[in-house]
Amino acid sequence: MQAENMDLAPPKDDPFTQEELKVFDGQDPAKPVYVAIKGTVFDVSRKRDTYGPGGSYALFAGKDASRALGLSSLKPEDAVPDWSTLEEKDRKTLDDWHAFFTKRYNIVGRIIDLPAAVANE
C-alpha cells in the first residue's frame, strides 16, 4: 500500500449525479478521474495509470462502485452503488476502502442520487 498523502486539500461537498460522474472515467485526458465510494467522490487523477482506461481498476472510474469494492470484485455487474445487500464482513471491507481513499485522495464531492436503500447510510 502507498503511504498516506499529507498534502490533501480540504474536502469539497460539490453535488454530482451518477450521470454527471460518468464523464470523469479517464477517457478524456483533459478531465480528472473520479471514483466514488459510498457516495463520496474522490479525485484519483494522480493514479490515472491505475484507474484510467486500460488500468487494473478502470472499472471503478466515473462511477460509484461501492458494491464491487465491498465484495473485492472486478465484475462489471458488481460495479454499482447499492451496497445495501452486502454481508457484515463485506460492509467492513467497503468501509476499509472508504477510509483508505479518504487518507490518500482529495474528496471533490458527493453523489446526490444514490439508490434509496443506501442514500442515508
PDB file of N, CA and C in Angstrom:
ATOM      1  N   MET A   1       0.845  -1.195   0.000  1.00  0.00           N
ATOM      2  CA  MET A   1       0.000   0.000   0.000  1.00  0.00           C
ATOM      3  C   MET A   1       0.881   1.245   0.000  1.00  0.00           C
ATOM      4  N   GLN A   2       0.391   2.262  -0.648  1.00  0.00           N
ATOM      5  CA  GLN A   2       1.147   3.503  -0.682  1.00  0.00           C
ATOM      6  C   GLN A   2       0.932   4.274   0.609  1.00  0.00           C
ATOM      7  N   ALA A   3       1.842   5.160   0.923  1.00  0.00           N
ATOM      8  CA  ALA A   3       1.749   5.959   2.141  1.00  0.00           C
ATOM      9  C   ALA A   3       0.623   6.979   2.036  1.00  0.00           C
ATOM     10  N   GLU A   4       0.178   7.420   3.195  1.00  0.00           N
ATOM     11  CA  GLU A   4      -0.854   8.457   3.215  1.00  0.00           C
ATOM     12  C   GLU A   4      -0.320   9.715   2.559  1.00  0.00           C
ATOM     13  N   ASN A   5      -1.211  10.473   1.940  1.00  0.00           N
ATOM     14  CA  ASN A   5      -0.846  11.731   1.308  1.00  0.00           C
ATOM     15  C   ASN A   5      -1.143  12.858   2.288  1.00  0.00           C
ATOM     16  N   MET A   6      -0.122  13.501   2.764  1.00  0.00           N
ATOM     17  CA  MET A   6      -0.303  14.572   3.750  1.00  0.00           C
ATOM     18  C   MET A   6      -0.654  15.913   3.095  1.00  0.00           C
ATOM     19  N   ASP A   7      -0.687  15.951   1.778  1.00  0.00           N
ATOM     20  CA  ASP A   7      -0.956  17.202   1.069  1.00  0.00           C
ATOM     21  C   ASP A   7      -2.370  17.260   0.519  1.00  0.00           C
ATOM     22  N   LEU A   8      -3.313  16.684   1.209  1.00  0.00           N
ATOM     23  CA  LEU A   8      -4.691  16.681   0.724  1.00  0.00           C
ATOM     24  C   LEU A   8      -5.337  18.047   0.911  1.00  0.00           C
ATOM     25  N   ALA A   9      -6.164  18.415  -0.059  1.00  0.00           N
ATOM     26  CA  ALA A   9      -6.933  19.656   0.031  1.00  0.00           C
ATOM     27  C   ALA A   9      -8.111  19.440   0.973  1.00  0.00           C
ATOM     28  N   PRO A  10      -8.646  20.525   1.529  1.00  0.00           N
ATOM     29  CA  PRO A  10      -9.859  20.360   2.351  1.00  0.00           C
ATOM     30  C   PRO A  10     -10.959  19.706   1.523  1.00  0.00           C
ATOM     31  N   PRO A  11     -11.737  18.808   2.127  1.00  0.00           N
ATOM     32  CA  PRO A  11     -12.791  18.115   1.372  1.00  0.00           C
ATOM     33  C   PRO A  11     -13.822  19.083   0.803  1.00  0.00           C
ATOM     34  N   LYS A  12     -14.275  18.801  -0.396  1.00  0.00           N
ATOM     35  CA  LYS A  12     -15.342  19.584  -1.030  1.00  0.00           C
ATOM     36  C   LYS A  12     -16.642  18.804  -0.919  1.00  0.00           C
ATOM     37  N   ASP A  13     -17.744  19.503  -1.091  1.00  0.00           N
ATOM     38  CA  ASP A  13     -19.060  18.877  -0.989  1.00  0.00           C
ATOM     39  C   ASP A  13     -19.876  19.134  -2.255  1.00  0.00           C
ATOM     40  N   ASP A  14     -19.184  19.237  -3.405  1.00  0.00           N
ATOM     41  CA  ASP A  14     -19.873  19.522  -4.659  1.00  0.00           C
ATOM     42  C   ASP A  14     -20.820  18.368  -5.009  1.00  0.00           C
ATOM     43  N   PRO A  15     -22.050  18.685  -5.398  1.00  0.00           N
ATOM     44  CA  PRO A  15     -23.007  17.629  -5.740  1.00  0.00           C
ATOM     45  C   PRO A  15     -22.770  17.071  -7.142  1.00  0.00           C
ATOM     46  N   PHE A  16     -22.845  15.752  -7.267  1.00  0.00           N
ATOM     47  CA  PHE A  16     -22.747  15.052  -8.549  1.00  0.00           C
ATOM     48  C   PHE A  16     -23.904  14.068  -8.649  1.00  0.00           C
ATOM     49  N   THR A  17     -24.495  13.980  -9.826  1.00  0.00           N
ATOM     50  CA  THR A  17     -25.402  12.863 -10.090  1.00  0.00           C
ATOM     51  C   THR A  17     -24.541  11.730 -10.635  1.00  0.00           C
ATOM     52  N   GLN A  18     -25.084  10.536 -10.643  1.00  0.00           N
ATOM     53  CA  GLN A  18     -24.334   9.407 -11.210  1.00  0.00           C
ATOM     54  C   GLN A  18     -24.037   9.649 -12.686  1.00  0.00           C
ATOM     55  N   GLU A  19     -24.985  10.278 -13.377  1.00  0.00           N
ATOM     56  CA  GLU A  19     -24.791  10.575 -14.804  1.00  0.00           C
ATOM     57  C   GLU A  19     -23.651  11.581 -14.997  1.00  0.00           C
ATOM     58  N   GLU A  20     -23.597  12.618 -14.170  1.00  0.00           N
ATOM     59  CA  GLU A  20     -22.531  13.627 -14.268  1.00  0.00           C
ATOM     60  C   GLU A  20     -21.159  13.017 -13.988  1.00  0.00           C
ATOM     61  N   LEU A  21     -21.119  12.059 -13.078  1.00  0.00           N
ATOM     62  CA  LEU A  21     -19.850  11.433 -12.709  1.00  0.00           C
ATOM     63  C   LEU A  21     -19.238  10.634 -13.860  1.00  0.00           C
ATOM     64  N   LYS A  22     -20.064  10.127 -14.765  1.00  0.00           N
ATOM     65  CA  LYS A  22     -19.594   9.271 -15.862  1.00  0.00           C
ATOM     66  C   LYS A  22     -18.521   9.926 -16.728  1.00  0.00           C
ATOM     67  N   VAL A  23     -18.549  11.247 -16.885  1.00  0.00           N
ATOM     68  CA  VAL A  23     -17.570  11.912 -17.757  1.00  0.00           C
ATOM     69  C   VAL A  23     -16.172  11.961 -17.135  1.00  0.00           C
ATOM     70  N   PHE A  24     -16.059  11.549 -15.873  1.00  0.00           N
ATOM     71  CA  PHE A  24     -14.763  11.559 -15.194  1.00  0.00           C
ATOM     72  C   PHE A  24     -14.185  10.145 -15.107  1.00  0.00           C
ATOM     73  N   ASP A  25     -14.341   9.387 -16.198  1.00  0.00           N
ATOM     74  CA  ASP A  25     -13.893   7.991 -16.234  1.00  0.00           C
ATOM     75  C   ASP A  25     -12.497   7.825 -16.821  1.00  0.00           C
ATOM     76  N   GLY A  26     -11.838   8.927 -17.125  1.00  0.00           N
ATOM     77  CA  GLY A  26     -10.479   8.866 -17.650  1.00  0.00           C
ATOM     78  C   GLY A  26     -10.378   8.823 -19.162  1.00  0.00           C
ATOM     79  N   GLN A  27     -11.506   8.734 -19.858  1.00  0.00           N
ATOM     80  CA  GLN A  27     -11.472   8.682 -21.327  1.00  0.00           C
ATOM     81  C   GLN A  27     -10.968   9.998 -21.927  1.00  0.00           C
ATOM     82  N   ASP A  28     -11.294  11.118 -21.276  1.00  0.00           N
ATOM     83  CA  ASP A  28     -10.853  12.437 -21.744  1.00  0.00           C
ATOM     84  C   ASP A  28      -9.640  12.844 -20.919  1.00  0.00           C
ATOM     85  N   PRO A  29      -8.459  12.883 -21.534  1.00  0.00           N
ATOM     86  CA  PRO A  29      -7.245  13.209 -20.776  1.00  0.00           C
ATOM     87  C   PRO A  29      -7.244  14.622 -20.189  1.00  0.00           C
ATOM     88  N   ALA A  30      -8.138  15.478 -20.668  1.00  0.00           N
ATOM     89  CA  ALA A  30      -8.218  16.839 -20.149  1.00  0.00           C
ATOM     90  C   ALA A  30      -9.040  16.921 -18.854  1.00  0.00           C
ATOM     91  N   LYS A  31      -9.748  15.838 -18.532  1.00  0.00           N
ATOM     92  CA  LYS A  31     -10.597  15.829 -17.336  1.00  0.00           C
ATOM     93  C   LYS A  31      -9.961  14.957 -16.257  1.00  0.00           C
ATOM     94  N   PRO A  32     -10.240  15.286 -14.992  1.00  0.00           N
ATOM     95  CA  PRO A  32      -9.739  14.422 -13.917  1.00  0.00           C
ATOM     96  C   PRO A  32     -10.456  13.073 -13.908  1.00  0.00           C
ATOM     97  N   VAL A  33      -9.902  12.128 -13.159  1.00  0.00           N
ATOM     98  CA  VAL A  33     -10.504  10.806 -12.988  1.00  0.00           C
ATOM     99  C   VAL A  33     -11.071  10.747 -11.570  1.00  0.00           C
ATOM    100  N   TYR A  34     -12.362  10.423 -11.483  1.00  0.00           N
ATOM    101  CA  TYR A  34     -13.031  10.351 -10.187  1.00  0.00           C
ATOM    102  C   TYR A  34     -13.550   8.939  -9.933  1.00  0.00           C
ATOM    103  N   VAL A  35     -13.491   8.538  -8.673  1.00  0.00           N
ATOM    104  CA  VAL A  35     -14.059   7.289  -8.192  1.00  0.00           C
ATOM    105  C   VAL A  35     -14.916   7.642  -6.983  1.00  0.00           C
ATOM    106  N   ALA A  36     -16.112   7.079  -6.907  1.00  0.00           N
ATOM    107  CA  ALA A  36     -16.970   7.332  -5.746  1.00  0.00           C
ATOM    108  C   ALA A  36     -17.126   6.054  -4.929  1.00  0.00           C
ATOM    109  N   ILE A  37     -17.111   6.231  -3.618  1.00  0.00           N
ATOM    110  CA  ILE A  37     -17.307   5.126  -2.682  1.00  0.00           C
ATOM    111  C   ILE A  37     -18.296   5.595  -1.629  1.00  0.00           C
ATOM    112  N   LYS A  38     -19.390   4.856  -1.491  1.00  0.00           N
ATOM    113  CA  LYS A  38     -20.437   5.206  -0.521  1.00  0.00           C
ATOM    114  C   LYS A  38     -20.888   6.663  -0.699  1.00  0.00           C
ATOM    115  N   GLY A  39     -20.921   7.106  -1.950  1.00  0.00           N
ATOM    116  CA  GLY A  39     -21.400   8.442  -2.261  1.00  0.00           C
ATOM    117  C   GLY A  39     -20.355   9.532  -2.184  1.00  0.00           C
ATOM    118  N   THR A  40     -19.174   9.252  -1.654  1.00  0.00           N
ATOM    119  CA  THR A  40     -18.094  10.233  -1.580  1.00  0.00           C
ATOM    120  C   THR A  40     -17.287  10.154  -2.874  1.00  0.00           C
ATOM    121  N   VAL A  41     -17.065  11.303  -3.520  1.00  0.00           N
ATOM    122  CA  VAL A  41     -16.346  11.337  -4.795  1.00  0.00           C
ATOM    123  C   VAL A  41     -14.888  11.730  -4.548  1.00  0.00           C
ATOM    124  N   PHE A  42     -13.982  10.872  -4.996  1.00  0.00           N
ATOM    125  CA  PHE A  42     -12.548  11.080  -4.817  1.00  0.00           C
ATOM    126  C   PHE A  42     -11.885  11.369  -6.156  1.00  0.00           C
ATOM    127  N   ASP A  43     -10.900  12.286  -6.146  1.00  0.00           N
ATOM    128  CA  ASP A  43     -10.097  12.571  -7.336  1.00  0.00           C
ATOM    129  C   ASP A  43      -8.885  11.645  -7.324  1.00  0.00           C
ATOM    130  N   VAL A  44      -8.893  10.662  -8.205  1.00  0.00           N
ATOM    131  CA  VAL A  44      -7.799   9.685  -8.282  1.00  0.00           C
ATOM    132  C   VAL A  44      -6.898   9.953  -9.491  1.00  0.00           C
ATOM    133  N   SER A  45      -6.937  11.168 -10.001  1.00  0.00           N
ATOM    134  CA  SER A  45      -6.195  11.507 -11.225  1.00  0.00           C
ATOM    135  C   SER A  45      -4.709  11.206 -11.132  1.00  0.00           C
ATOM    136  N   ARG A  46      -4.111  11.351  -9.972  1.00  0.00           N
ATOM    137  CA  ARG A  46      -2.673  11.095  -9.865  1.00  0.00           C
ATOM    138  C   ARG A  46      -2.340   9.613 -10.052  1.00  0.00           C
ATOM    139  N   LYS A  47      -3.370   8.765 -10.051  1.00  0.00           N
ATOM    140  CA  LYS A  47      -3.200   7.337 -10.322  1.00  0.00           C
ATOM    141  C   LYS A  47      -3.972   6.954 -11.598  1.00  0.00           C
ATOM    142  N   ARG A  48      -3.940   7.866 -12.583  1.00  0.00           N
ATOM    143  CA  ARG A  48      -4.647   7.651 -13.846  1.00  0.00           C
ATOM    144  C   ARG A  48      -4.225   6.332 -14.493  1.00  0.00           C
ATOM    145  N   ASP A  49      -2.964   5.948 -14.308  1.00  0.00           N
ATOM    146  CA  ASP A  49      -2.491   4.690 -14.892  1.00  0.00           C
ATOM    147  C   ASP A  49      -3.207   3.484 -14.290  1.00  0.00           C
ATOM    148  N   THR A  50      -3.723   3.618 -13.086  1.00  0.00           N
ATOM    149  CA  THR A  50      -4.426   2.534 -12.408  1.00  0.00           C
ATOM    150  C   THR A  50      -5.931   2.601 -12.644  1.00  0.00           C
ATOM    151  N   TYR A  51      -6.499   3.822 -12.584  1.00  0.00           N
ATOM    152  CA  TYR A  51      -7.952   3.990 -12.677  1.00  0.00           C
ATOM    153  C   TYR A  51      -8.438   4.417 -14.056  1.00  0.00           C
ATOM    154  N   GLY A  52      -7.535   4.886 -14.911  1.00  0.00           N
ATOM    155  CA  GLY A  52      -7.918   5.315 -16.247  1.00  0.00           C
ATOM    156  C   GLY A  52      -8.055   4.137 -17.196  1.00  0.00           C
ATOM    157  N   PRO A  53      -8.374   4.421 -18.458  1.00  0.00           N
ATOM    158  CA  PRO A  53      -8.554   3.358 -19.454  1.00  0.00           C
ATOM    159  C   PRO A  53      -7.355   2.408 -19.502  1.00  0.00           C
ATOM    160  N   GLY A  54      -7.642   1.127 -19.468  1.00  0.00           N
ATOM    161  CA  GLY A  54      -6.592   0.123 -19.504  1.00  0.00           C
ATOM    162  C   GLY A  54      -5.976  -0.186 -18.155  1.00  0.00           C
ATOM    163  N   GLY A  55      -6.306   0.612 -17.145  1.00  0.00           N
ATOM    164  CA  GLY A  55      -5.761   0.381 -15.811  1.00  0.00           C
ATOM    165  C   GLY A  55      -6.455  -0.784 -15.118  1.00  0.00           C
ATOM    166  N   SER A  56      -5.783  -1.346 -14.138  1.00  0.00           N
ATOM    167  CA  SER A  56      -6.324  -2.521 -13.459  1.00  0.00           C
ATOM    168  C   SER A  56      -7.623  -2.239 -12.707  1.00  0.00           C
ATOM    169  N   TYR A  57      -7.855  -0.964 -12.344  1.00  0.00           N
ATOM    170  CA  TYR A  57      -9.084  -0.608 -11.639  1.00  0.00           C
ATOM    171  C   TYR A  57      -9.935   0.393 -12.424  1.00  0.00           C
ATOM    172  N   ALA A  58      -9.814   0.380 -13.738  1.00  0.00           N
ATOM    173  CA  ALA A  58     -10.581   1.287 -14.599  1.00  0.00           C
ATOM    174  C   ALA A  58     -12.089   1.092 -14.416  1.00  0.00           C
ATOM    175  N   LEU A  59     -12.496  -0.092 -14.019  1.00  0.00           N
ATOM    176  CA  LEU A  59     -13.903  -0.405 -13.792  1.00  0.00           C
ATOM    177  C   LEU A  59     -14.553   0.560 -12.799  1.00  0.00           C
ATOM    178  N   PHE A  60     -13.762   1.076 -11.847  1.00  0.00           N
ATOM    179  CA  PHE A  60     -14.304   1.938 -10.797  1.00  0.00           C
ATOM    180  C   PHE A  60     -14.393   3.416 -11.202  1.00  0.00           C
ATOM    181  N   ALA A  61     -13.730   3.808 -12.277  1.00  0.00           N
ATOM    182  CA  ALA A  61     -13.661   5.216 -12.662  1.00  0.00           C
ATOM    183  C   ALA A  61     -14.986   5.716 -13.216  1.00  0.00           C
ATOM    184  N   GLY A  62     -15.348   6.928 -12.819  1.00  0.00           N
ATOM    185  CA  GLY A  62     -16.555   7.564 -13.339  1.00  0.00           C
ATOM    186  C   GLY A  62     -17.842   7.014 -12.771  1.00  0.00           C
ATOM    187  N   LYS A  63     -17.752   6.329 -11.624  1.00  0.00           N
ATOM    188  CA  LYS A  63     -18.975   5.777 -11.038  1.00  0.00           C
ATOM    189  C   LYS A  63     -18.769   5.509  -9.556  1.00  0.00           C
ATOM    190  N   ASP A  64     -19.878   5.228  -8.893  1.00  0.00           N
ATOM    191  CA  ASP A  64     -19.833   4.728  -7.526  1.00  0.00           C
ATOM    192  C   ASP A  64     -19.979   3.215  -7.636  1.00  0.00           C
ATOM    193  N   ALA A  65     -18.904   2.509  -7.381  1.00  0.00           N
ATOM    194  CA  ALA A  65     -18.883   1.043  -7.495  1.00  0.00           C
ATOM    195  C   ALA A  65     -18.749   0.411  -6.115  1.00  0.00           C
ATOM    196  N   SER A  66     -19.452   0.965  -5.135  1.00  0.00           N
ATOM    197  CA  SER A  66     -19.310   0.536  -3.749  1.00  0.00           C
ATOM    198  C   SER A  66     -19.511  -0.966  -3.563  1.00  0.00           C
ATOM    199  N   ARG A  67     -20.510  -1.526  -4.215  1.00  0.00           N
ATOM    200  CA  ARG A  67     -20.771  -2.956  -4.049  1.00  0.00           C
ATOM    201  C   ARG A  67     -19.548  -3.784  -4.469  1.00  0.00           C
ATOM    202  N   ALA A  68     -18.954  -3.453  -5.604  1.00  0.00           N
ATOM    203  CA  ALA A  68     -17.780  -4.187  -6.086  1.00  0.00           C
ATOM    204  C   ALA A  68     -16.613  -4.073  -5.103  1.00  0.00           C
ATOM    205  N   LEU A  69     -16.408  -2.906  -4.550  1.00  0.00           N
ATOM    206  CA  LEU A  69     -15.316  -2.743  -3.590  1.00  0.00           C
ATOM    207  C   LEU A  69     -15.566  -3.579  -2.337  1.00  0.00           C
ATOM    208  N   GLY A  70     -16.795  -3.577  -1.853  1.00  0.00           N
ATOM    209  CA  GLY A  70     -17.123  -4.379  -0.683  1.00  0.00           C
ATOM    210  C   GLY A  70     -16.921  -5.862  -0.922  1.00  0.00           C
ATOM    211  N   LEU A  71     -17.201  -6.305  -2.134  1.00  0.00           N
ATOM    212  CA  LEU A  71     -17.053  -7.720  -2.492  1.00  0.00           C
ATOM    213  C   LEU A  71     -15.651  -8.062  -2.995  1.00  0.00           C
ATOM    214  N   SER A  72     -14.782  -7.062  -3.113  1.00  0.00           N
ATOM    215  CA  SER A  72     -13.459  -7.239  -3.722  1.00  0.00           C
ATOM    216  C   SER A  72     -13.611  -7.862  -5.110  1.00  0.00           C
ATOM    217  N   SER A  73     -14.551  -7.311  -5.874  1.00  0.00           N
ATOM    218  CA  SER A  73     -14.903  -7.847  -7.187  1.00  0.00           C
ATOM    219  C   SER A  73     -14.511  -6.889  -8.309  1.00  0.00           C
ATOM    220  N   LEU A  74     -14.081  -7.445  -9.406  1.00  0.00           N
ATOM    221  CA  LEU A  74     -13.816  -6.658 -10.613  1.00  0.00           C
ATOM    222  C   LEU A  74     -14.834  -6.988 -11.703  1.00  0.00           C
ATOM    223  N   LYS A  75     -15.971  -7.549 -11.310  1.00  0.00           N
ATOM    224  CA  LYS A  75     -17.025  -7.869 -12.262  1.00  0.00           C
ATOM    225  C   LYS A  75     -17.860  -6.620 -12.534  1.00  0.00           C
ATOM    226  N   PRO A  76     -18.084  -6.286 -13.823  1.00  0.00           N
ATOM    227  CA  PRO A  76     -18.881  -5.100 -14.154  1.00  0.00           C
ATOM    228  C   PRO A  76     -20.259  -5.096 -13.500  1.00  0.00           C
ATOM    229  N   GLU A  77     -20.889  -6.260 -13.381  1.00  0.00           N
ATOM    230  CA  GLU A  77     -22.234  -6.296 -12.796  1.00  0.00           C
ATOM    231  C   GLU A  77     -22.233  -5.945 -11.308  1.00  0.00           C
ATOM    232  N   ASP A  78     -21.077  -6.024 -10.644  1.00  0.00           N
ATOM    233  CA  ASP A  78     -20.987  -5.641  -9.230  1.00  0.00           C
ATOM    234  C   ASP A  78     -20.648  -4.167  -9.035  1.00  0.00           C
ATOM    235  N   ALA A  79     -20.235  -3.495 -10.106  1.00  0.00           N
ATOM    236  CA  ALA A  79     -19.788  -2.099 -10.012  1.00  0.00           C
ATOM    237  C   ALA A  79     -20.979  -1.145  -9.984  1.00  0.00           C
ATOM    238  N   VAL A  80     -21.745  -1.240  -8.903  1.00  0.00           N
ATOM    239  CA  VAL A  80     -22.940  -0.416  -8.701  1.00  0.00           C
ATOM    240  C   VAL A  80     -22.889   0.213  -7.314  1.00  0.00           C
ATOM    241  N   PRO A  81     -23.647   1.294  -7.107  1.00  0.00           N
ATOM    242  CA  PRO A  81     -23.574   1.983  -5.826  1.00  0.00           C
ATOM    243  C   PRO A  81     -24.391   1.365  -4.694  1.00  0.00           C
ATOM    244  N   ASP A  82     -25.263   0.416  -4.982  1.00  0.00           N
ATOM    245  CA  ASP A  82     -26.125  -0.141  -3.942  1.00  0.00           C
ATOM    246  C   ASP A  82     -25.405  -1.241  -3.158  1.00  0.00           C
ATOM    247  N   TRP A  83     -24.959  -0.901  -1.972  1.00  0.00           N
ATOM    248  CA  TRP A  83     -24.264  -1.857  -1.116  1.00  0.00           C
ATOM    249  C   TRP A  83     -25.169  -2.403  -0.008  1.00  0.00           C
ATOM    250  N   SER A  84     -26.468  -2.142  -0.105  1.00  0.00           N
ATOM    251  CA  SER A  84     -27.404  -2.492   0.973  1.00  0.00           C
ATOM    252  C   SER A  84     -27.507  -3.984   1.256  1.00  0.00           C
ATOM    253  N   THR A  85     -27.199  -4.820   0.280  1.00  0.00           N
ATOM    254  CA  THR A  85     -27.329  -6.262   0.490  1.00  0.00           C
ATOM    255  C   THR A  85     -26.011  -6.931   0.879  1.00  0.00           C
ATOM    256  N   LEU A  86     -24.965  -6.141   1.085  1.00  0.00           N
ATOM    257  CA  LEU A  86     -23.682  -6.722   1.477  1.00  0.00           C
ATOM    258  C   LEU A  86     -23.758  -7.320   2.876  1.00  0.00           C
ATOM    259  N   GLU A  87     -23.070  -8.431   3.067  1.00  0.00           N
ATOM    260  CA  GLU A  87     -22.951  -9.023   4.394  1.00  0.00           C
ATOM    261  C   GLU A  87     -22.054  -8.135   5.257  1.00  0.00           C
ATOM    262  N   GLU A  88     -22.103  -8.348   6.560  1.00  0.00           N
ATOM    263  CA  GLU A  88     -21.341  -7.515   7.500  1.00  0.00           C
ATOM    264  C   GLU A  88     -19.851  -7.486   7.173  1.00  0.00           C
ATOM    265  N   LYS A  89     -19.262  -8.634   6.855  1.00  0.00           N
ATOM    266  CA  LYS A  89     -17.825  -8.669   6.548  1.00  0.00           C
ATOM    267  C   LYS A  89     -17.513  -7.855   5.285  1.00  0.00           C
ATOM    268  N   ASP A  90     -18.430  -7.874   4.314  1.00  0.00           N
ATOM    269  CA  ASP A  90     -18.226  -7.106   3.086  1.00  0.00           C
ATOM    270  C   ASP A  90     -18.435  -5.614   3.332  1.00  0.00           C
ATOM    271  N   ARG A  91     -19.325  -5.279   4.241  1.00  0.00           N
ATOM    272  CA  ARG A  91     -19.510  -3.863   4.610  1.00  0.00           C
ATOM    273  C   ARG A  91     -18.248  -3.329   5.282  1.00  0.00           C
ATOM    274  N   LYS A  92     -17.607  -4.170   6.089  1.00  0.00           N
ATOM    275  CA  LYS A  92     -16.362  -3.745   6.722  1.00  0.00           C
ATOM    276  C   LYS A  92     -15.293  -3.517   5.653  1.00  0.00           C
ATOM    277  N   THR A  93     -15.217  -4.417   4.679  1.00  0.00           N
ATOM    278  CA  THR A  93     -14.267  -4.239   3.578  1.00  0.00           C
ATOM    279  C   THR A  93     -14.540  -2.923   2.861  1.00  0.00           C
ATOM    280  N   LEU A  94     -15.813  -2.634   2.599  1.00  0.00           N
ATOM    281  CA  LEU A  94     -16.184  -1.371   1.942  1.00  0.00           C
ATOM    282  C   LEU A  94     -15.774  -0.180   2.793  1.00  0.00           C
ATOM    283  N   ASP A  95     -16.030  -0.242   4.090  1.00  0.00           N
ATOM    284  CA  ASP A  95     -15.630   0.849   4.993  1.00  0.00           C
ATOM    285  C   ASP A  95     -14.117   1.029   5.000  1.00  0.00           C
ATOM    286  N   ASP A  96     -13.387  -0.088   4.942  1.00  0.00           N
ATOM    287  CA  ASP A  96     -11.924  -0.007   4.898  1.00  0.00           C
ATOM    288  C   ASP A  96     -11.451   0.680   3.620  1.00  0.00           C
ATOM    289  N   TRP A  97     -12.096   0.364   2.485  1.00  0.00           N
ATOM    290  CA  TRP A  97     -11.741   1.040   1.230  1.00  0.00           C
ATOM    291  C   TRP A  97     -12.032   2.538   1.319  1.00  0.00           C
ATOM    292  N   HIS A  98     -13.170   2.884   1.894  1.00  0.00           N
ATOM    293  CA  HIS A  98     -13.526   4.305   2.038  1.00  0.00           C
ATOM    294  C   HIS A  98     -12.464   5.020   2.878  1.00  0.00           C
ATOM    295  N   ALA A  99     -12.060   4.411   3.976  1.00  0.00           N
ATOM    296  CA  ALA A  99     -11.037   5.014   4.836  1.00  0.00           C
ATOM    297  C   ALA A  99      -9.703   5.140   4.097  1.00  0.00           C
ATOM    298  N   PHE A 100      -9.350   4.107   3.333  1.00  0.00           N
ATOM    299  CA  PHE A 100      -8.107   4.120   2.552  1.00  0.00           C
ATOM    300  C   PHE A 100      -8.099   5.294   1.574  1.00  0.00           C
ATOM    301  N   PHE A 101      -9.184   5.442   0.821  1.00  0.00           N
ATOM    302  CA  PHE A 101      -9.271   6.535  -0.156  1.00  0.00           C
ATOM    303  C   PHE A 101      -9.277   7.896   0.532  1.00  0.00           C
ATOM    304  N   THR A 102      -9.961   8.011   1.667  1.00  0.00           N
ATOM    305  CA  THR A 102     -10.051   9.282   2.389  1.00  0.00           C
ATOM    306  C   THR A 102      -8.671   9.781   2.809  1.00  0.00           C
ATOM    307  N   LYS A 103      -7.782   8.862   3.133  1.00  0.00           N
ATOM    308  CA  LYS A 103      -6.436   9.235   3.574  1.00  0.00           C
ATOM    309  C   LYS A 103      -5.492   9.525   2.412  1.00  0.00           C
ATOM    310  N   ARG A 104      -5.882   9.149   1.196  1.00  0.00           N
ATOM    311  CA  ARG A 104      -4.948   9.244   0.073  1.00  0.00           C
ATOM    312  C   ARG A 104      -5.371  10.138  -1.091  1.00  0.00           C
ATOM    313  N   TYR A 105      -6.667  10.395  -1.194  1.00  0.00           N
ATOM    314  CA  TYR A 105      -7.154  11.161  -2.346  1.00  0.00           C
ATOM    315  C   TYR A 105      -8.047  12.310  -1.897  1.00  0.00           C
ATOM    316  N   ASN A 106      -8.012  13.402  -2.676  1.00  0.00           N
ATOM    317  CA  ASN A 106      -8.880  14.539  -2.375  1.00  0.00           C
ATOM    318  C   ASN A 106     -10.345  14.182  -2.583  1.00  0.00           C
ATOM    319  N   ILE A 107     -11.159  14.617  -1.647  1.00  0.00           N
ATOM    320  CA  ILE A 107     -12.614  14.472  -1.774  1.00  0.00           C
ATOM    321  C   ILE A 107     -13.115  15.690  -2.533  1.00  0.00           C
ATOM    322  N   VAL A 108     -13.792  15.438  -3.659  1.00  0.00           N
ATOM    323  CA  VAL A 108     -14.235  16.540  -4.513  1.00  0.00           C
ATOM    324  C   VAL A 108     -15.756  16.713  -4.522  1.00  0.00           C
ATOM    325  N   GLY A 109     -16.467  15.812  -3.871  1.00  0.00           N
ATOM    326  CA  GLY A 109     -17.915  15.963  -3.853  1.00  0.00           C
ATOM    327  C   GLY A 109     -18.622  14.738  -3.324  1.00  0.00           C
ATOM    328  N   ARG A 110     -19.924  14.697  -3.636  1.00  0.00           N
ATOM    329  CA  ARG A 110     -20.758  13.592  -3.177  1.00  0.00           C
ATOM    330  C   ARG A 110     -21.822  13.304  -4.224  1.00  0.00           C
ATOM    331  N   ILE A 111     -22.242  12.054  -4.261  1.00  0.00           N
ATOM    332  CA  ILE A 111     -23.311  11.632  -5.171  1.00  0.00           C
ATOM    333  C   ILE A 111     -24.645  11.998  -4.527  1.00  0.00           C
ATOM    334  N   ILE A 112     -25.508  12.670  -5.290  1.00  0.00           N
ATOM    335  CA  ILE A 112     -26.784  13.118  -4.722  1.00  0.00           C
ATOM    336  C   ILE A 112     -27.963  12.254  -5.125  1.00  0.00           C
ATOM    337  N   ASP A 113     -27.719  11.254  -5.978  1.00  0.00           N
ATOM    338  CA  ASP A 113     -28.831  10.395  -6.401  1.00  0.00           C
ATOM    339  C   ASP A 113     -28.513   8.913  -6.192  1.00  0.00           C
ATOM    340  N   LEU A 114     -27.981   8.593  -5.010  1.00  0.00           N
ATOM    341  CA  LEU A 114     -27.731   7.191  -4.668  1.00  0.00           C
ATOM    342  C   LEU A 114     -29.053   6.436  -4.582  1.00  0.00           C
ATOM    343  N   PRO A 115     -29.022   5.112  -4.751  1.00  0.00           N
ATOM    344  CA  PRO A 115     -30.248   4.331  -4.587  1.00  0.00           C
ATOM    345  C   PRO A 115     -30.848   4.555  -3.197  1.00  0.00           C
ATOM    346  N   ALA A 116     -32.157   4.531  -3.102  1.00  0.00           N
ATOM    347  CA  ALA A 116     -32.844   4.814  -1.837  1.00  0.00           C
ATOM    348  C   ALA A 116     -32.357   3.928  -0.698  1.00  0.00           C
ATOM    349  N   ALA A 117     -31.999   2.678  -0.982  1.00  0.00           N
ATOM    350  CA  ALA A 117     -31.594   1.733   0.064  1.00  0.00           C
ATOM    351  C   ALA A 117     -30.317   2.158   0.793  1.00  0.00           C
ATOM    352  N   VAL A 118     -29.506   3.012   0.151  1.00  0.00           N
ATOM    353  CA  VAL A 118     -28.250   3.426   0.769  1.00  0.00           C
ATOM    354  C   VAL A 118     -28.101   4.945   0.890  1.00  0.00           C
ATOM    355  N   ALA A 119     -29.092   5.676   0.468  1.00  0.00           N
ATOM    356  CA  ALA A 119     -28.996   7.139   0.410  1.00  0.00           C
ATOM    357  C   ALA A 119     -28.704   7.788   1.758  1.00  0.00           C
ATOM    358  N   ASN A 120     -29.145   7.188   2.834  1.00  0.00           N
ATOM    359  CA  ASN A 120     -28.960   7.804   4.158  1.00  0.00           C
ATOM    360  C   ASN A 120     -27.958   7.055   5.032  1.00  0.00           C
ATOM    361  N   GLU A 121     -27.171   6.176   4.434  1.00  0.00           N
ATOM    362  CA  GLU A 121     -26.179   5.430   5.234  1.00  0.00           C
ATOM    363  C   GLU A 121     -24.884   6.188   5.319  1.00  0.00           C
TER     364      GLU A 121
END
